[in-house]
Amino acid sequence: MSTLHEAAAGSPTTAQFDAAAFRRAIEERDGAAVRSFYTDDAELVVVDREAQPSKPRVLRGSVAIGAYFDDVCGRDMTHKIDRLVLGDGGAAYLETCAYPDGTKVRCAAVLDLRDGRIVRQSGVQAWDE
């Protein structure tokens, strides 16, 4: 795996995924921009307190994934990508979010890429209680 900087000059597979624009879309809470990184047939799998490993939340297709990110990006909270790593046909990132009351959320996600877009994302998130 290579870091964002190395990947920009790396293989054609990873260079097609615009990691800087993806980071910017997440951190600026731009749901439409985030949605544009997913293929029409993408799958998003989330494990958290409510959707535990034996029954994860699985969203299929750009409409369902777009609605999910519209909700997340519409919340009054900050998003920061702490680390974004690219590799052959995939990427992974760590994200820290914070609500105005100080509640924090931590996410780790692995992305499968095809033609520079996300076809599958698997993530785990936890938040302060």
C-alpha atoms as a PDB file:
ATOM      1  CA  MET A   1       0.000   0.000   0.000  1.00  0.00           C
ATOM      2  CA  SER A   2       1.100   3.530  -0.566  1.00  0.00           C
ATOM      3  CA  THR A   3       0.141   6.795   0.973  1.00  0.00           C
ATOM      4  CA  LEU A   4      -1.878   9.458  -0.828  1.00  0.00           C
ATOM      5  CA  HIS A   5       1.259  11.321  -1.901  1.00  0.00           C
ATOM      6  CA  GLU A   6       2.951   8.263  -3.323  1.00  0.00           C
ATOM      7  CA  ALA A   7      -0.204   7.033  -5.037  1.00  0.00           C
ATOM      8  CA  ALA A   8      -0.634  10.259  -6.993  1.00  0.00           C
ATOM      9  CA  ALA A   9       2.497   9.336  -8.942  1.00  0.00           C
ATOM     10  CA  GLY A  10       1.807   5.584  -8.707  1.00  0.00           C
ATOM     11  CA  SER A  11       0.077   3.008 -10.813  1.00  0.00           C
ATOM     12  CA  PRO A  12      -2.713   3.854 -13.254  1.00  0.00           C
ATOM     13  CA  THR A  13      -5.232   1.887 -11.143  1.00  0.00           C
ATOM     14  CA  THR A  14      -4.846   4.070  -8.051  1.00  0.00           C
ATOM     15  CA  ALA A  15      -4.170   7.309  -9.934  1.00  0.00           C
ATOM     16  CA  GLN A  16      -7.713   7.197 -11.365  1.00  0.00           C
ATOM     17  CA  PHE A  17      -9.258   7.530  -7.897  1.00  0.00           C
ATOM     18  CA  ASP A  18      -9.096  11.213  -6.967  1.00  0.00           C
ATOM     19  CA  ALA A  19      -8.202  10.795  -3.302  1.00  0.00           C
ATOM     20  CA  ALA A  20      -7.793  14.536  -2.718  1.00  0.00           C
ATOM     21  CA  ALA A  21     -11.277  15.262  -4.087  1.00  0.00           C
ATOM     22  CA  PHE A  22     -12.731  12.374  -2.049  1.00  0.00           C
ATOM     23  CA  ARG A  23     -11.146  13.768   1.124  1.00  0.00           C
ATOM     24  CA  ARG A  24     -12.433  17.257   0.312  1.00  0.00           C
ATOM     25  CA  ALA A  25     -15.993  15.987  -0.329  1.00  0.00           C
ATOM     26  CA  ILE A  26     -16.082  14.166   3.030  1.00  0.00           C
ATOM     27  CA  GLU A  27     -14.523  16.989   5.036  1.00  0.00           C
ATOM     28  CA  GLU A  28     -16.733  19.655   3.414  1.00  0.00           C
ATOM     29  CA  ARG A  29     -19.852  17.515   4.016  1.00  0.00           C
ATOM     30  CA  ASP A  30     -20.770  17.591   0.329  1.00  0.00           C
ATOM     31  CA  GLY A  31     -23.180  14.659  -0.017  1.00  0.00           C
ATOM     32  CA  ALA A  32     -23.559  15.033  -3.790  1.00  0.00           C
ATOM     33  CA  ALA A  33     -19.792  15.025  -4.278  1.00  0.00           C
ATOM     34  CA  VAL A  34     -19.360  11.992  -2.005  1.00  0.00           C
ATOM     35  CA  ARG A  35     -22.105  10.127  -3.882  1.00  0.00           C
ATOM     36  CA  SER A  36     -20.332  10.788  -7.205  1.00  0.00           C
ATOM     37  CA  PHE A  37     -17.473   8.501  -6.139  1.00  0.00           C
ATOM     38  CA  TYR A  38     -19.743   5.422  -6.049  1.00  0.00           C
ATOM     39  CA  THR A  39     -20.738   3.293  -9.039  1.00  0.00           C
ATOM     40  CA  ASP A  40     -24.442   2.807  -9.746  1.00  0.00           C
ATOM     41  CA  ASP A  41     -24.178  -0.794  -8.500  1.00  0.00           C
ATOM     42  CA  ALA A  42     -22.020  -0.044  -5.444  1.00  0.00           C
ATOM     43  CA  GLU A  43     -22.503  -1.694  -2.070  1.00  0.00           C
ATOM     44  CA  LEU A  44     -21.914  -0.047   1.312  1.00  0.00           C
ATOM     45  CA  VAL A  45     -21.629  -2.256   4.399  1.00  0.00           C
ATOM     46  CA  VAL A  46     -21.587  -0.612   7.842  1.00  0.00           C
ATOM     47  CA  VAL A  47     -21.035  -2.252  11.210  1.00  0.00           C
ATOM     48  CA  ASP A  48     -21.734  -0.266  14.369  1.00  0.00           C
ATOM     49  CA  ARG A  49     -23.638  -0.411  17.642  1.00  0.00           C
ATOM     50  CA  GLU A  50     -26.981  -0.670  15.841  1.00  0.00           C
ATOM     51  CA  ALA A  51     -25.884  -2.848  12.904  1.00  0.00           C
ATOM     52  CA  GLN A  52     -23.695  -5.470  14.518  1.00  0.00           C
ATOM     53  CA  PRO A  53     -21.409  -7.876  12.618  1.00  0.00           C
ATOM     54  CA  SER A  54     -24.001 -10.656  12.318  1.00  0.00           C
ATOM     55  CA  LYS A  55     -26.522  -8.198  10.800  1.00  0.00           C
ATOM     56  CA  PRO A  56     -24.622  -5.299   9.212  1.00  0.00           C
ATOM     57  CA  ARG A  57     -26.377  -2.442   7.453  1.00  0.00           C
ATOM     58  CA  VAL A  58     -26.051  -3.130   3.728  1.00  0.00           C
ATOM     59  CA  LEU A  59     -26.960  -0.435   1.225  1.00  0.00           C
ATOM     60  CA  ARG A  60     -26.981  -1.243  -2.475  1.00  0.00           C
ATOM     61  CA  GLY A  61     -26.998   1.167  -5.375  1.00  0.00           C
ATOM     62  CA  SER A  62     -26.233   4.833  -5.750  1.00  0.00           C
ATOM     63  CA  VAL A  63     -29.718   5.971  -4.669  1.00  0.00           C
ATOM     64  CA  ALA A  64     -29.563   4.219  -1.259  1.00  0.00           C
ATOM     65  CA  ILE A  65     -25.911   5.148  -0.726  1.00  0.00           C
ATOM     66  CA  GLY A  66     -26.638   8.748  -1.754  1.00  0.00           C
ATOM     67  CA  ALA A  67     -29.490   8.997   0.774  1.00  0.00           C
ATOM     68  CA  TYR A  68     -27.155   7.663   3.486  1.00  0.00           C
ATOM     69  CA  PHE A  69     -24.490  10.272   2.726  1.00  0.00           C
ATOM     70  CA  ASP A  70     -27.073  13.060   2.395  1.00  0.00           C
ATOM     71  CA  ASP A  71     -28.125  12.225   5.955  1.00  0.00           C
ATOM     72  CA  VAL A  72     -24.563  12.006   7.303  1.00  0.00           C
ATOM     73  CA  CYS A  73     -23.392  15.154   5.506  1.00  0.00           C
ATOM     74  CA  GLY A  74     -26.511  17.032   6.577  1.00  0.00           C
ATOM     75  CA  ARG A  75     -25.716  16.625  10.277  1.00  0.00           C
ATOM     76  CA  ASP A  76     -24.137  19.439  12.261  1.00  0.00           C
ATOM     77  CA  MET A  77     -20.755  17.799  12.763  1.00  0.00           C
ATOM     78  CA  THR A  78     -17.192  17.968  11.510  1.00  0.00           C
ATOM     79  CA  HIS A  79     -15.519  15.242   9.448  1.00  0.00           C
ATOM     80  CA  LYS A  80     -11.758  14.787   9.182  1.00  0.00           C
ATOM     81  CA  ILE A  81      -9.964  12.132   7.183  1.00  0.00           C
ATOM     82  CA  ASP A  82      -7.024  11.250   9.415  1.00  0.00           C
ATOM     83  CA  ARG A  83      -5.340   8.839   7.021  1.00  0.00           C
ATOM     84  CA  LEU A  84      -6.083   7.757   3.465  1.00  0.00           C
ATOM     85  CA  VAL A  85      -4.081   4.926   1.908  1.00  0.00           C
ATOM     86  CA  LEU A  86      -4.293   3.734  -1.699  1.00  0.00           C
ATOM     87  CA  GLY A  87      -3.290   0.368  -3.129  1.00  0.00           C
ATOM     88  CA  ASP A  88      -3.887  -1.775  -6.187  1.00  0.00           C
ATOM     89  CA  GLY A  89      -7.634  -1.696  -6.791  1.00  0.00           C
ATOM     90  CA  GLY A  90      -8.499  -0.349  -3.367  1.00  0.00           C
ATOM     91  CA  ALA A  91      -8.165   2.241  -0.658  1.00  0.00           C
ATOM     92  CA  ALA A  92      -8.689   2.585   3.082  1.00  0.00           C
ATOM     93  CA  TYR A  93      -9.212   5.516   5.377  1.00  0.00           C
ATOM     94  CA  LEU A  94      -9.704   6.540   8.988  1.00  0.00           C
ATOM     95  CA  GLU A  95     -12.155   9.298   9.791  1.00  0.00           C
ATOM     96  CA  THR A  96     -12.876  11.258  12.955  1.00  0.00           C
ATOM     97  CA  CYS A  97     -16.149  13.147  13.348  1.00  0.00           C
ATOM     98  CA  ALA A  98     -17.314  15.445  16.126  1.00  0.00           C
ATOM     99  CA  TYR A  99     -20.701  16.868  17.064  1.00  0.00           C
ATOM    100  CA  PRO A 100     -20.921  20.375  18.593  1.00  0.00           C
ATOM    101  CA  ASP A 101     -21.594  18.838  22.041  1.00  0.00           C
ATOM    102  CA  GLY A 102     -18.208  17.085  21.899  1.00  0.00           C
ATOM    103  CA  THR A 103     -19.495  13.605  20.999  1.00  0.00           C
ATOM    104  CA  LYS A 104     -16.952  11.913  18.747  1.00  0.00           C
ATOM    105  CA  VAL A 105     -17.360   9.240  16.082  1.00  0.00           C
ATOM    106  CA  ARG A 106     -14.496   7.160  14.695  1.00  0.00           C
ATOM    107  CA  CYS A 107     -14.740   5.258  11.400  1.00  0.00           C
ATOM    108  CA  ALA A 108     -12.454   2.883   9.518  1.00  0.00           C
ATOM    109  CA  ALA A 109     -13.338   1.963   5.941  1.00  0.00           C
ATOM    110  CA  VAL A 110     -11.942  -0.213   3.166  1.00  0.00           C
ATOM    111  CA  LEU A 111     -12.851   0.591  -0.443  1.00  0.00           C
ATOM    112  CA  ASP A 112     -12.810  -1.651  -3.506  1.00  0.00           C
ATOM    113  CA  LEU A 113     -12.286   0.441  -6.630  1.00  0.00           C
ATOM    114  CA  ARG A 114     -13.174  -0.057 -10.279  1.00  0.00           C
ATOM    115  CA  ASP A 115     -12.248   2.514 -12.906  1.00  0.00           C
ATOM    116  CA  GLY A 116     -11.507   5.082 -10.211  1.00  0.00           C
ATOM    117  CA  ARG A 117     -14.860   4.711  -8.425  1.00  0.00           C
ATOM    118  CA  ILE A 118     -16.004   2.826  -5.343  1.00  0.00           C
ATOM    119  CA  VAL A 119     -17.813  -0.468  -5.995  1.00  0.00           C
ATOM    120  CA  ARG A 120     -17.785  -1.715  -2.412  1.00  0.00           C
ATOM    121  CA  GLN A 121     -17.130  -0.080   0.929  1.00  0.00           C
ATOM    122  CA  SER A 122     -16.903  -1.937   4.217  1.00  0.00           C
ATOM    123  CA  GLY A 123     -16.754   0.152   7.352  1.00  0.00           C
ATOM    124  CA  VAL A 124     -16.851  -0.025  11.112  1.00  0.00           C
ATOM    125  CA  GLN A 125     -17.828   2.947  13.249  1.00  0.00           C
ATOM    126  CA  ALA A 126     -18.033   3.660  16.956  1.00  0.00           C
ATOM    127  CA  TRP A 127     -19.094   6.739  18.861  1.00  0.00           C
ATOM    128  CA  ASP A 128     -19.036   8.140  22.368  1.00  0.00           C
ATOM    129  CA  GLU A 129     -21.995   7.205  24.515  1.00  0.00           C
END
